[in-house]
Protein backbone atom coordinates (compact mmCIF):
# COMPACT_ATOMS: atom_id res chain seq x y z
CA MET A 1 5.85 8.85 -13.21
CA LYS A 2 2.65 7.90 -14.62
CA ILE A 3 0.90 5.78 -13.38
CA PRO A 4 0.68 2.51 -15.84
CA LYS A 5 -2.62 2.29 -17.67
CA LYS A 6 -2.83 -2.22 -16.27
CA ILE A 7 -3.35 -0.52 -12.52
CA SER A 8 -6.06 1.66 -10.32
CA GLN A 9 -5.51 5.17 -10.61
CA ASN A 10 -5.64 5.83 -7.27
CA ALA A 11 -2.21 3.50 -7.23
CA GLN A 12 0.75 5.87 -5.10
CA LEU A 13 4.08 5.03 -6.09
CA ILE A 14 7.32 4.75 -3.65
CA GLU A 15 10.69 6.25 -5.13
CA GLY A 16 13.87 3.80 -4.59
CA LEU A 17 17.56 3.49 -5.20
CA ASN A 18 17.20 0.05 -6.70
CA GLY A 19 13.36 0.94 -8.03
CA SER A 20 10.26 1.73 -7.12
CA SER A 21 6.92 0.61 -6.08
CA TRP A 22 3.30 1.25 -7.08
CA PHE A 23 0.51 0.42 -4.24
CA THR A 24 -3.09 0.54 -4.01
CA ILE A 25 -5.34 -0.62 -0.92
CA VAL A 26 -9.00 -1.74 -0.80
CA ALA A 27 -10.99 -2.09 2.17
CA GLU A 28 -12.07 -6.51 2.31
CA LYS A 29 -14.48 -7.00 5.37
CA ASP A 30 -12.10 -5.92 8.90
CA LEU A 31 -8.55 -6.09 6.58
CA TYR A 32 -7.03 -4.40 4.13
CA ARG A 33 -6.31 -5.71 0.41
CA ILE A 34 -3.26 -3.97 -0.68
CA GLU A 35 -1.53 -4.92 -3.51
CA ARG A 36 2.15 -4.31 -5.09
CA PHE A 37 3.23 -3.39 -8.49
CA CYS A 38 6.51 -2.80 -10.62
CA GLU A 39 7.65 0.21 -12.02
CA GLU A 40 5.56 -1.20 -15.04
CA GLY A 41 2.59 -2.46 -13.83
CA ASN A 42 3.25 -6.07 -13.15
CA ILE A 43 1.84 -7.55 -9.36
CA GLU A 44 4.51 -8.42 -7.09
CA CYS A 45 1.86 -9.25 -4.54
CA SER A 46 -1.18 -8.88 -3.30
CA ARG A 47 -2.23 -10.26 0.79
CA LEU A 48 -4.75 -9.05 3.29
CA PHE A 49 -3.20 -6.59 6.08
CA ARG A 50 -4.58 -5.33 9.81
CA ALA A 51 -3.94 -2.06 10.40
CA GLU A 52 -2.28 -1.08 13.78
CA PRO A 53 -3.58 1.64 15.20
CA ASN A 54 -7.13 -0.07 13.99
CA SER A 55 -8.25 3.81 13.76
CA PHE A 56 -7.12 3.71 9.83
CA ASP A 57 -9.72 5.79 7.93
CA ILE A 58 -9.34 4.84 3.79
CA SER A 59 -12.23 7.24 3.23
CA ALA A 60 -9.56 10.35 3.83
CA PRO A 61 -6.52 11.18 2.75
CA PHE A 62 -3.19 9.46 3.26
CA LYS A 63 0.47 8.31 1.74
CA PHE A 64 2.68 5.23 1.11
CA THR A 65 6.31 5.70 2.76
CA TYR A 66 8.57 3.45 3.87
CA ILE A 67 9.33 0.56 5.11
CA SER A 68 6.32 -0.65 2.88
CA HIS A 69 7.22 -4.09 1.05
CA CYS A 70 5.49 -7.65 1.15
CA LYS A 71 4.92 -7.81 4.90
CA GLN A 72 4.60 -4.96 6.06
CA CYS A 73 3.58 -1.82 4.84
CA THR A 74 3.86 1.86 6.52
CA ILE A 75 0.83 4.49 5.81
CA ILE A 76 0.44 8.22 6.75
CA GLN A 77 -2.56 9.59 7.64
CA ASN A 78 -3.33 13.24 9.39
CA ASN A 79 0.09 12.86 11.18
CA LEU A 80 -0.12 9.76 12.44
CA THR A 81 1.60 6.55 11.38
CA PHE A 82 0.01 3.43 10.63
CA LYS A 83 1.41 -0.25 10.16
CA PHE A 84 -0.23 -2.75 8.62
CA PHE A 85 0.57 -6.43 9.04
CA THR A 86 0.02 -9.32 7.49
CA ASP A 87 0.25 -13.28 8.74
CA GLU A 88 -0.20 -14.37 4.28
CA TYR A 89 3.60 -15.77 3.27
């Protein structure tokens, strides 16, 4: 699936049976801004997350994976699973 023009070309797609979502991540101070978009590119949520463990390297290759939604995201990097949690609801 092609990345919609209105979101970052660095977005990653997680495909699902009931629909797919695009995810982006950027560093903001000690936290990470993760945004989720529908398949067409409309934003579904934008929240600040903390990583556990806290050794995530945003400059190294990574892949969003399941389970990822507006309250928790999962990223695999260097065969290590990082969980991202938000206190924003």
